[in-house]
């Protein structure tokens, strides 16, 4: 009969190595994952199914692993169950398929950021539309003596509106580029 402690210990090592690769640390990968979960904003965590249960399970299983690694004679008594082993294997697969809590949190945060970005773009588009409406409302005077002055004013206003529109477009593009680079 296989020793469940040994199997658990080996499976946990695989999980720890995978988490270490995610966090670019040589050891304590699961601890880094746990710390990341603990520091996550609570509001976002409530939207993720089983967040609390996964965190509690990771902490409990890390404790079992540490006991096996450091307590004398710990492998002599069964410290874990097949259910614990299955959970570690399942969590490993969830990380690989980006179905783990931190991956889901990242996706939700990314989607919320995109929603906010879309709202900003819509607001800027409304500003452009308002400028266009203002330009369309400008009509020439009927008085022929004022036509030349009004044409100059109209051209100046159009230039100012065009410059404003170009500046706003450049700002939007820069903002999008910054988001793409840093997200």
N, C-alpha and C. Protein backbone atom coordinates (compact mmCIF):
# COMPACT_ATOMS: atom_id res chain seq x y z
N UNK A 1 0.85 -1.19 0.00
CA UNK A 1 0.00 0.00 0.00
C UNK A 1 0.89 1.24 0.00
N UNK A 2 0.54 2.21 -0.85
CA UNK A 2 1.33 3.43 -0.94
C UNK A 2 1.15 4.27 0.31
N UNK A 3 2.21 4.94 0.70
CA UNK A 3 2.17 5.84 1.85
C UNK A 3 1.55 7.16 1.38
N UNK A 4 0.38 7.52 1.90
CA UNK A 4 -0.31 8.74 1.50
C UNK A 4 0.52 9.97 1.79
N UNK A 5 1.26 9.96 2.89
CA UNK A 5 2.10 11.11 3.24
C UNK A 5 3.13 11.38 2.14
N UNK A 6 3.77 10.31 1.68
CA UNK A 6 4.80 10.47 0.65
C UNK A 6 4.18 11.00 -0.65
N UNK A 7 3.05 10.42 -1.05
CA UNK A 7 2.37 10.87 -2.28
C UNK A 7 1.96 12.33 -2.14
N UNK A 8 1.37 12.67 -1.00
CA UNK A 8 0.97 14.06 -0.76
C UNK A 8 2.17 14.99 -0.85
N UNK A 9 3.27 14.60 -0.19
CA UNK A 9 4.47 15.42 -0.16
C UNK A 9 4.97 15.68 -1.58
N UNK A 10 4.99 14.65 -2.40
CA UNK A 10 5.46 14.80 -3.79
C UNK A 10 4.51 15.68 -4.61
N UNK A 11 3.21 15.49 -4.45
CA UNK A 11 2.25 16.31 -5.18
C UNK A 11 2.34 17.77 -4.75
N UNK A 12 2.54 17.99 -3.46
CA UNK A 12 2.66 19.36 -2.96
C UNK A 12 3.93 20.01 -3.52
N UNK A 13 5.01 19.22 -3.65
CA UNK A 13 6.24 19.76 -4.24
C UNK A 13 6.00 20.22 -5.68
N UNK A 14 5.23 19.46 -6.43
CA UNK A 14 4.89 19.86 -7.81
C UNK A 14 4.12 21.18 -7.82
N UNK A 15 3.13 21.27 -6.93
CA UNK A 15 2.34 22.50 -6.82
C UNK A 15 3.22 23.67 -6.40
N UNK A 16 4.10 23.45 -5.43
CA UNK A 16 4.98 24.51 -4.96
C UNK A 16 5.91 24.98 -6.08
N UNK A 17 6.39 24.04 -6.87
CA UNK A 17 7.27 24.39 -7.99
C UNK A 17 6.52 25.22 -9.04
N UNK A 18 5.29 24.81 -9.35
CA UNK A 18 4.48 25.56 -10.31
C UNK A 18 4.21 26.98 -9.81
N UNK A 19 3.83 27.10 -8.55
CA UNK A 19 3.58 28.43 -7.98
C UNK A 19 4.88 29.25 -7.96
N UNK A 20 5.99 28.59 -7.68
CA UNK A 20 7.27 29.27 -7.70
C UNK A 20 7.60 29.83 -9.07
N UNK A 21 7.25 29.09 -10.11
CA UNK A 21 7.45 29.57 -11.48
C UNK A 21 6.55 30.77 -11.77
N UNK A 22 5.34 30.73 -11.26
CA UNK A 22 4.42 31.85 -11.46
C UNK A 22 4.94 33.12 -10.80
N UNK A 23 5.51 32.97 -9.61
CA UNK A 23 5.96 34.12 -8.83
C UNK A 23 7.47 34.37 -8.97
N UNK A 24 8.12 33.57 -9.79
CA UNK A 24 9.55 33.71 -10.05
C UNK A 24 10.35 33.65 -8.74
N UNK A 25 10.03 32.63 -7.94
CA UNK A 25 10.78 32.37 -6.71
C UNK A 25 11.24 30.91 -6.74
N UNK A 26 12.38 30.63 -6.12
CA UNK A 26 12.92 29.28 -6.15
C UNK A 26 12.24 28.35 -5.15
N UNK A 27 11.80 28.92 -4.02
CA UNK A 27 11.09 28.09 -3.04
C UNK A 27 9.94 28.90 -2.46
N UNK A 28 9.09 28.23 -1.73
CA UNK A 28 7.92 28.86 -1.10
C UNK A 28 6.95 29.44 -2.13
N UNK A 29 6.74 28.72 -3.23
CA UNK A 29 5.80 29.17 -4.25
C UNK A 29 4.37 29.22 -3.74
N UNK A 30 3.97 28.18 -2.99
CA UNK A 30 2.61 28.16 -2.43
C UNK A 30 2.45 29.29 -1.43
N UNK A 31 3.48 29.55 -0.64
CA UNK A 31 3.42 30.65 0.32
C UNK A 31 3.25 31.98 -0.41
N UNK A 32 3.94 32.16 -1.53
CA UNK A 32 3.78 33.39 -2.33
C UNK A 32 2.35 33.50 -2.84
N UNK A 33 1.79 32.38 -3.29
CA UNK A 33 0.41 32.37 -3.77
C UNK A 33 -0.54 32.74 -2.64
N UNK A 34 -0.34 32.14 -1.47
CA UNK A 34 -1.19 32.43 -0.31
C UNK A 34 -1.09 33.91 0.06
N UNK A 35 0.13 34.42 0.11
CA UNK A 35 0.32 35.84 0.45
C UNK A 35 -0.37 36.75 -0.56
N UNK A 36 -0.34 36.37 -1.82
CA UNK A 36 -1.01 37.15 -2.86
C UNK A 36 -2.52 37.13 -2.64
N UNK A 37 -3.04 35.97 -2.29
CA UNK A 37 -4.48 35.88 -2.02
C UNK A 37 -4.86 36.72 -0.81
N UNK A 38 -4.03 36.69 0.23
CA UNK A 38 -4.32 37.45 1.44
C UNK A 38 -4.29 38.95 1.19
N UNK A 39 -3.43 39.38 0.27
CA UNK A 39 -3.30 40.82 0.04
C UNK A 39 -4.27 41.34 -1.02
N UNK A 40 -5.01 40.45 -1.66
CA UNK A 40 -5.96 40.87 -2.69
C UNK A 40 -7.09 41.67 -2.05
N UNK A 41 -7.63 42.59 -2.81
CA UNK A 41 -8.73 43.42 -2.34
C UNK A 41 -9.95 42.53 -2.06
N UNK A 42 -10.50 42.66 -0.86
CA UNK A 42 -11.60 41.79 -0.45
C UNK A 42 -12.83 41.91 -1.35
N UNK A 43 -13.10 43.11 -1.86
CA UNK A 43 -14.29 43.28 -2.71
C UNK A 43 -14.21 42.37 -3.93
N UNK A 44 -13.07 42.33 -4.57
CA UNK A 44 -12.93 41.49 -5.76
C UNK A 44 -13.00 40.01 -5.41
N UNK A 45 -12.52 39.65 -4.23
CA UNK A 45 -12.49 38.25 -3.83
C UNK A 45 -13.89 37.68 -3.65
N UNK A 46 -14.81 38.50 -3.20
CA UNK A 46 -16.18 38.02 -2.98
C UNK A 46 -16.84 37.60 -4.29
N UNK A 47 -16.35 38.11 -5.39
CA UNK A 47 -16.94 37.77 -6.69
C UNK A 47 -16.40 36.44 -7.23
N UNK A 48 -15.40 35.89 -6.58
CA UNK A 48 -14.76 34.67 -7.08
C UNK A 48 -15.22 33.48 -6.24
N UNK A 49 -15.81 32.49 -6.91
CA UNK A 49 -16.32 31.32 -6.19
C UNK A 49 -15.20 30.59 -5.42
N UNK A 50 -15.51 30.18 -4.20
CA UNK A 50 -14.62 29.36 -3.37
C UNK A 50 -13.31 30.03 -3.00
N UNK A 51 -13.24 31.36 -3.08
CA UNK A 51 -11.99 32.06 -2.73
C UNK A 51 -11.54 31.69 -1.32
N UNK A 52 -12.42 31.90 -0.38
CA UNK A 52 -12.08 31.67 1.03
C UNK A 52 -11.72 30.20 1.28
N UNK A 53 -12.50 29.29 0.71
CA UNK A 53 -12.26 27.86 0.90
C UNK A 53 -10.90 27.46 0.32
N UNK A 54 -10.58 27.98 -0.86
CA UNK A 54 -9.28 27.67 -1.47
C UNK A 54 -8.14 28.20 -0.62
N UNK A 55 -8.28 29.41 -0.12
CA UNK A 55 -7.24 30.00 0.72
C UNK A 55 -7.06 29.17 1.99
N UNK A 56 -8.15 28.82 2.65
CA UNK A 56 -8.06 28.03 3.88
C UNK A 56 -7.45 26.66 3.61
N UNK A 57 -7.82 26.06 2.50
CA UNK A 57 -7.28 24.74 2.14
C UNK A 57 -5.79 24.81 1.85
N UNK A 58 -5.36 25.85 1.12
CA UNK A 58 -3.93 26.01 0.85
C UNK A 58 -3.14 26.17 2.14
N UNK A 59 -3.66 26.96 3.06
CA UNK A 59 -2.97 27.18 4.34
C UNK A 59 -2.90 25.87 5.12
N UNK A 60 -4.00 25.14 5.16
CA UNK A 60 -4.05 23.87 5.90
C UNK A 60 -3.09 22.85 5.30
N UNK A 61 -3.10 22.75 3.98
CA UNK A 61 -2.24 21.76 3.32
C UNK A 61 -0.76 22.15 3.40
N UNK A 62 -0.48 23.45 3.37
CA UNK A 62 0.91 23.89 3.55
C UNK A 62 1.39 23.51 4.95
N UNK A 63 0.50 23.62 5.92
CA UNK A 63 0.85 23.24 7.30
C UNK A 63 1.18 21.74 7.36
N UNK A 64 0.39 20.91 6.71
CA UNK A 64 0.66 19.47 6.67
C UNK A 64 2.01 19.21 6.02
N UNK A 65 2.26 19.88 4.90
CA UNK A 65 3.54 19.71 4.20
C UNK A 65 4.71 20.11 5.09
N UNK A 66 4.58 21.26 5.77
CA UNK A 66 5.65 21.71 6.66
C UNK A 66 5.88 20.74 7.81
N UNK A 67 4.79 20.19 8.32
CA UNK A 67 4.91 19.20 9.39
C UNK A 67 5.65 17.97 8.88
N UNK A 68 5.30 17.50 7.69
CA UNK A 68 6.00 16.34 7.12
C UNK A 68 7.48 16.63 6.89
N UNK A 69 7.77 17.83 6.46
CA UNK A 69 9.16 18.18 6.13
C UNK A 69 10.02 18.41 7.36
N UNK A 70 9.43 18.85 8.46
CA UNK A 70 10.26 19.30 9.58
C UNK A 70 10.06 18.52 10.89
N UNK A 71 8.95 17.86 11.06
CA UNK A 71 8.70 17.15 12.32
C UNK A 71 9.34 15.76 12.28
N UNK A 72 10.09 15.41 13.29
CA UNK A 72 10.70 14.06 13.33
C UNK A 72 9.62 12.98 13.36
N UNK A 73 9.77 12.00 12.51
CA UNK A 73 8.85 10.87 12.47
C UNK A 73 7.49 11.18 11.89
N UNK A 74 7.34 12.31 11.24
CA UNK A 74 6.03 12.71 10.72
C UNK A 74 5.52 11.74 9.65
N UNK A 75 6.41 11.12 8.90
CA UNK A 75 5.98 10.20 7.85
C UNK A 75 5.49 8.87 8.41
N UNK A 76 5.75 8.62 9.69
CA UNK A 76 5.34 7.35 10.31
C UNK A 76 3.84 7.29 10.54
N UNK A 77 3.18 8.43 10.69
CA UNK A 77 1.73 8.46 10.92
C UNK A 77 1.06 9.16 9.74
N UNK A 78 -0.12 8.69 9.38
CA UNK A 78 -0.85 9.32 8.27
C UNK A 78 -1.28 10.73 8.68
N UNK A 79 -0.78 11.73 7.95
CA UNK A 79 -1.12 13.14 8.25
C UNK A 79 -2.15 13.68 7.27
N UNK A 80 -2.33 12.98 6.17
CA UNK A 80 -3.24 13.49 5.13
C UNK A 80 -4.11 12.36 4.62
N UNK A 81 -5.05 12.73 3.76
CA UNK A 81 -5.97 11.75 3.19
C UNK A 81 -5.86 11.77 1.68
N UNK A 82 -6.48 10.81 1.06
CA UNK A 82 -6.51 10.79 -0.41
C UNK A 82 -7.23 12.03 -0.93
N UNK A 83 -8.20 12.50 -0.17
CA UNK A 83 -8.93 13.72 -0.55
C UNK A 83 -7.97 14.92 -0.60
N UNK A 84 -7.03 15.01 0.34
CA UNK A 84 -6.03 16.08 0.32
C UNK A 84 -5.16 16.00 -0.92
N UNK A 85 -4.75 14.79 -1.24
CA UNK A 85 -3.92 14.58 -2.44
C UNK A 85 -4.69 14.99 -3.68
N UNK A 86 -5.94 14.57 -3.76
CA UNK A 86 -6.77 14.92 -4.92
C UNK A 86 -6.95 16.43 -5.04
N UNK A 87 -7.11 17.11 -3.90
CA UNK A 87 -7.28 18.56 -3.93
C UNK A 87 -6.03 19.24 -4.47
N UNK A 88 -4.85 18.81 -4.01
CA UNK A 88 -3.59 19.40 -4.49
C UNK A 88 -3.46 19.18 -5.99
N UNK A 89 -3.78 17.97 -6.45
CA UNK A 89 -3.70 17.68 -7.90
C UNK A 89 -4.69 18.53 -8.68
N UNK A 90 -5.90 18.67 -8.14
CA UNK A 90 -6.93 19.47 -8.79
C UNK A 90 -6.52 20.95 -8.85
N UNK A 91 -5.97 21.47 -7.77
CA UNK A 91 -5.55 22.86 -7.73
C UNK A 91 -4.42 23.10 -8.73
N UNK A 92 -3.51 22.15 -8.83
CA UNK A 92 -2.42 22.22 -9.81
C UNK A 92 -3.00 22.36 -11.23
N UNK A 93 -3.99 21.54 -11.54
CA UNK A 93 -4.64 21.59 -12.86
C UNK A 93 -5.39 22.90 -13.06
N UNK A 94 -6.02 23.39 -12.02
CA UNK A 94 -6.73 24.67 -12.13
C UNK A 94 -5.76 25.80 -12.46
N UNK A 95 -4.58 25.77 -11.85
CA UNK A 95 -3.58 26.79 -12.17
C UNK A 95 -3.16 26.66 -13.63
N UNK A 96 -2.91 25.45 -14.07
CA UNK A 96 -2.49 25.25 -15.47
C UNK A 96 -3.52 25.76 -16.46
N UNK A 97 -4.79 25.63 -16.10
CA UNK A 97 -5.87 26.05 -17.00
C UNK A 97 -6.41 27.44 -16.66
N UNK A 98 -5.72 28.15 -15.80
CA UNK A 98 -6.08 29.51 -15.38
C UNK A 98 -7.50 29.58 -14.82
N UNK A 99 -7.83 28.58 -14.02
CA UNK A 99 -9.13 28.53 -13.34
C UNK A 99 -8.97 28.65 -11.83
N UNK A 100 -7.77 29.04 -11.41
CA UNK A 100 -7.48 29.20 -9.99
C UNK A 100 -7.92 30.60 -9.55
N UNK A 101 -8.04 30.83 -8.24
CA UNK A 101 -8.55 32.12 -7.76
C UNK A 101 -7.78 33.35 -8.26
N UNK A 102 -6.46 33.30 -8.26
CA UNK A 102 -5.69 34.47 -8.68
C UNK A 102 -5.84 34.73 -10.18
N UNK A 103 -5.92 33.69 -10.98
CA UNK A 103 -6.13 33.87 -12.42
C UNK A 103 -7.51 34.47 -12.69
N UNK A 104 -8.51 34.00 -11.96
CA UNK A 104 -9.87 34.54 -12.12
C UNK A 104 -9.91 35.99 -11.68
N UNK A 105 -9.24 36.30 -10.56
CA UNK A 105 -9.17 37.68 -10.08
C UNK A 105 -8.52 38.57 -11.13
N UNK A 106 -7.44 38.10 -11.72
CA UNK A 106 -6.74 38.87 -12.75
C UNK A 106 -7.68 39.13 -13.94
N UNK A 107 -8.41 38.10 -14.37
CA UNK A 107 -9.33 38.27 -15.49
C UNK A 107 -10.43 39.27 -15.17
N UNK A 108 -11.02 39.16 -13.97
CA UNK A 108 -12.09 40.09 -13.58
C UNK A 108 -11.56 41.52 -13.49
N UNK A 109 -10.36 41.68 -12.93
CA UNK A 109 -9.76 43.01 -12.82
C UNK A 109 -9.50 43.58 -14.21
N UNK A 110 -9.03 42.74 -15.10
CA UNK A 110 -8.75 43.16 -16.47
C UNK A 110 -10.05 43.58 -17.17
N UNK A 111 -11.12 42.79 -16.98
CA UNK A 111 -12.41 43.12 -17.59
C UNK A 111 -12.96 44.43 -17.02
N UNK A 112 -12.85 44.62 -15.71
CA UNK A 112 -13.34 45.85 -15.09
C UNK A 112 -12.55 47.04 -15.59
N UNK A 113 -11.24 46.87 -15.75
CA UNK A 113 -10.40 47.94 -16.29
C UNK A 113 -10.82 48.29 -17.70
N UNK A 114 -11.17 47.28 -18.49
CA UNK A 114 -11.61 47.52 -19.87
C UNK A 114 -12.94 48.26 -19.86
N UNK A 115 -13.83 47.95 -18.93
CA UNK A 115 -15.11 48.64 -18.83
C UNK A 115 -14.89 50.11 -18.52
N UNK A 116 -14.01 50.40 -17.57
CA UNK A 116 -13.70 51.78 -17.22
C UNK A 116 -13.10 52.50 -18.43
N UNK A 117 -12.21 51.82 -19.14
CA UNK A 117 -11.58 52.42 -20.32
C UNK A 117 -12.64 52.73 -21.38
N UNK A 118 -13.58 51.83 -21.59
CA UNK A 118 -14.66 52.07 -22.56
C UNK A 118 -15.51 53.27 -22.16
N UNK A 119 -15.75 53.43 -20.86
CA UNK A 119 -16.53 54.58 -20.39
C UNK A 119 -15.78 55.88 -20.67
N UNK A 120 -14.46 55.88 -20.49
CA UNK A 120 -13.67 57.07 -20.77
C UNK A 120 -13.72 57.40 -22.26
N UNK A 121 -13.61 56.40 -23.10
CA UNK A 121 -13.66 56.61 -24.55
C UNK A 121 -15.02 57.17 -24.95
N UNK A 122 -16.09 56.62 -24.38
CA UNK A 122 -17.44 57.12 -24.69
C UNK A 122 -17.59 58.58 -24.29
N UNK A 123 -17.04 58.96 -23.14
CA UNK A 123 -17.12 60.35 -22.69
C UNK A 123 -16.36 61.26 -23.66
N UNK A 124 -15.21 60.82 -24.12
CA UNK A 124 -14.43 61.62 -25.07
C UNK A 124 -15.16 61.73 -26.41
N UNK A 125 -15.80 60.64 -26.83
CA UNK A 125 -16.58 60.69 -28.07
C UNK A 125 -17.73 61.68 -27.95
N UNK A 126 -18.35 61.75 -26.78
CA UNK A 126 -19.43 62.71 -26.57
C UNK A 126 -18.90 64.14 -26.70
N UNK A 127 -17.68 64.37 -26.20
CA UNK A 127 -17.07 65.70 -26.33
C UNK A 127 -16.84 66.04 -27.80
N UNK A 128 -16.35 65.08 -28.57
CA UNK A 128 -16.15 65.30 -30.00
C UNK A 128 -17.47 65.62 -30.69
N UNK A 129 -18.51 64.87 -30.34
CA UNK A 129 -19.83 65.11 -30.94
C UNK A 129 -20.35 66.51 -30.60
N UNK A 130 -20.12 66.95 -29.37
CA UNK A 130 -20.55 68.28 -28.97
C UNK A 130 -19.83 69.35 -29.78
N UNK A 131 -18.52 69.17 -30.00
CA UNK A 131 -17.76 70.11 -30.82
C UNK A 131 -18.32 70.15 -32.23
N UNK A 132 -18.61 68.98 -32.79
CA UNK A 132 -19.18 68.92 -34.14
C UNK A 132 -20.54 69.62 -34.21
N UNK A 133 -21.35 69.42 -33.18
CA UNK A 133 -22.66 70.09 -33.15
C UNK A 133 -22.49 71.61 -33.09
N UNK A 134 -21.54 72.06 -32.28
CA UNK A 134 -21.30 73.49 -32.17
C UNK A 134 -20.84 74.07 -33.51
N UNK A 135 -20.00 73.35 -34.21
CA UNK A 135 -19.52 73.82 -35.52
C UNK A 135 -20.68 73.90 -36.50
N UNK A 136 -21.55 72.90 -36.47
CA UNK A 136 -22.68 72.87 -37.41
C UNK A 136 -23.69 73.98 -37.13
N UNK A 137 -23.74 74.47 -35.90
CA UNK A 137 -24.69 75.53 -35.55
C UNK A 137 -24.23 76.90 -36.06
N UNK A 138 -22.95 77.02 -36.38
CA UNK A 138 -22.44 78.31 -36.85
C UNK A 138 -23.02 78.57 -38.24
N UNK A 139 -23.67 79.71 -38.38
CA UNK A 139 -24.23 80.07 -39.69
C UNK A 139 -23.73 81.45 -40.08
N UNK A 140 -23.57 81.70 -41.34
CA UNK A 140 -23.08 83.01 -41.78
C UNK A 140 -24.13 84.09 -41.56
N UNK A 141 -23.66 85.33 -41.32
CA UNK A 141 -24.56 86.48 -41.17
C UNK A 141 -25.13 86.86 -42.53
N UNK A 142 -26.30 87.47 -42.49
CA UNK A 142 -26.90 87.96 -43.73
C UNK A 142 -26.30 89.29 -44.16
N UNK A 143 -25.75 90.03 -43.27
CA UNK A 143 -25.17 91.32 -43.55
C UNK A 143 -23.88 91.13 -44.35
N UNK A 144 -23.85 91.64 -45.59
CA UNK A 144 -22.71 91.43 -46.48
C UNK A 144 -21.45 92.11 -45.97
N UNK A 145 -21.57 93.18 -45.23
CA UNK A 145 -20.39 93.88 -44.75
C UNK A 145 -19.66 93.09 -43.67
N UNK A 146 -20.37 92.21 -43.00
CA UNK A 146 -19.76 91.42 -41.92
C UNK A 146 -19.29 90.05 -42.41
N UNK A 147 -19.59 89.72 -43.65
CA UNK A 147 -19.28 88.39 -44.16
C UNK A 147 -17.79 88.05 -44.04
N UNK A 148 -16.94 88.99 -44.43
CA UNK A 148 -15.50 88.71 -44.40
C UNK A 148 -15.01 88.48 -42.98
N UNK A 149 -15.45 89.31 -42.03
CA UNK A 149 -15.06 89.17 -40.63
C UNK A 149 -15.60 87.85 -40.07
N UNK A 150 -16.86 87.57 -40.40
CA UNK A 150 -17.47 86.34 -39.91
C UNK A 150 -16.77 85.10 -40.47
N UNK A 151 -16.36 85.15 -41.71
CA UNK A 151 -15.64 84.03 -42.32
C UNK A 151 -14.33 83.79 -41.58
N UNK A 152 -13.62 84.88 -41.25
CA UNK A 152 -12.36 84.74 -40.52
C UNK A 152 -12.63 84.15 -39.14
N UNK A 153 -13.67 84.65 -38.48
CA UNK A 153 -14.02 84.11 -37.16
C UNK A 153 -14.41 82.64 -37.24
N UNK A 154 -15.16 82.31 -38.29
CA UNK A 154 -15.60 80.94 -38.49
C UNK A 154 -14.40 80.03 -38.72
N UNK A 155 -13.45 80.48 -39.54
CA UNK A 155 -12.25 79.70 -39.82
C UNK A 155 -11.42 79.55 -38.55
N UNK A 156 -11.28 80.63 -37.78
CA UNK A 156 -10.54 80.56 -36.52
C UNK A 156 -11.18 79.57 -35.56
N UNK A 157 -12.50 79.62 -35.47
CA UNK A 157 -13.21 78.70 -34.60
C UNK A 157 -13.04 77.26 -35.06
N UNK A 158 -13.13 77.07 -36.37
CA UNK A 158 -12.94 75.73 -36.91
C UNK A 158 -11.53 75.22 -36.63
N UNK A 159 -10.54 76.09 -36.79
CA UNK A 159 -9.15 75.70 -36.49
C UNK A 159 -9.00 75.31 -35.03
N UNK A 160 -9.58 76.12 -34.14
CA UNK A 160 -9.49 75.81 -32.71
C UNK A 160 -10.17 74.48 -32.40
N UNK A 161 -11.31 74.25 -33.00
CA UNK A 161 -12.02 73.00 -32.77
C UNK A 161 -11.23 71.82 -33.32
N UNK A 162 -10.65 72.00 -34.48
CA UNK A 162 -9.85 70.94 -35.09
C UNK A 162 -8.62 70.63 -34.24
N UNK A 163 -7.95 71.66 -33.78
CA UNK A 163 -6.78 71.47 -32.93
C UNK A 163 -7.19 70.76 -31.64
N UNK A 164 -8.31 71.17 -31.06
CA UNK A 164 -8.80 70.52 -29.83
C UNK A 164 -9.11 69.05 -30.10
N UNK A 165 -9.73 68.77 -31.22
CA UNK A 165 -10.07 67.39 -31.57
C UNK A 165 -8.81 66.56 -31.76
N UNK A 166 -7.82 67.11 -32.43
CA UNK A 166 -6.56 66.38 -32.65
C UNK A 166 -5.86 66.12 -31.32
N UNK A 167 -5.83 67.13 -30.46
CA UNK A 167 -5.19 66.96 -29.15
C UNK A 167 -5.91 65.88 -28.35
N UNK A 168 -7.23 65.89 -28.36
CA UNK A 168 -7.99 64.88 -27.63
C UNK A 168 -7.74 63.49 -28.22
N UNK A 169 -7.64 63.40 -29.53
CA UNK A 169 -7.37 62.11 -30.18
C UNK A 169 -5.99 61.60 -29.79
N UNK A 170 -5.01 62.48 -29.77
CA UNK A 170 -3.65 62.09 -29.39
C UNK A 170 -3.63 61.62 -27.94
N UNK A 171 -4.33 62.32 -27.08
CA UNK A 171 -4.40 61.92 -25.67
C UNK A 171 -5.04 60.54 -25.53
N UNK A 172 -6.11 60.30 -26.28
CA UNK A 172 -6.77 58.99 -26.23
C UNK A 172 -5.82 57.90 -26.68
N UNK A 173 -5.12 58.14 -27.77
CA UNK A 173 -4.20 57.13 -28.30
C UNK A 173 -3.07 56.87 -27.31
N UNK A 174 -2.51 57.93 -26.74
CA UNK A 174 -1.44 57.75 -25.75
C UNK A 174 -1.94 56.98 -24.53
N UNK A 175 -3.15 57.30 -24.11
CA UNK A 175 -3.72 56.62 -22.95
C UNK A 175 -3.91 55.13 -23.24
N UNK A 176 -4.39 54.79 -24.43
CA UNK A 176 -4.56 53.40 -24.81
C UNK A 176 -3.23 52.68 -24.91
N UNK A 177 -2.23 53.34 -25.49
CA UNK A 177 -0.90 52.74 -25.59
C UNK A 177 -0.30 52.48 -24.23
N UNK A 178 -0.47 53.42 -23.31
CA UNK A 178 0.05 53.24 -21.96
C UNK A 178 -0.65 52.06 -21.30
N UNK A 179 -1.96 51.96 -21.48
CA UNK A 179 -2.71 50.82 -20.90
C UNK A 179 -2.21 49.52 -21.48
N UNK A 180 -1.98 49.46 -22.79
CA UNK A 180 -1.52 48.23 -23.42
C UNK A 180 -0.12 47.84 -22.93
N UNK A 181 0.73 48.82 -22.75
CA UNK A 181 2.11 48.55 -22.35
C UNK A 181 2.17 48.08 -20.91
N UNK A 182 1.41 48.73 -20.02
CA UNK A 182 1.53 48.43 -18.61
C UNK A 182 0.51 47.43 -18.09
N UNK A 183 -0.38 46.93 -18.91
CA UNK A 183 -1.36 45.95 -18.45
C UNK A 183 -1.06 44.62 -19.01
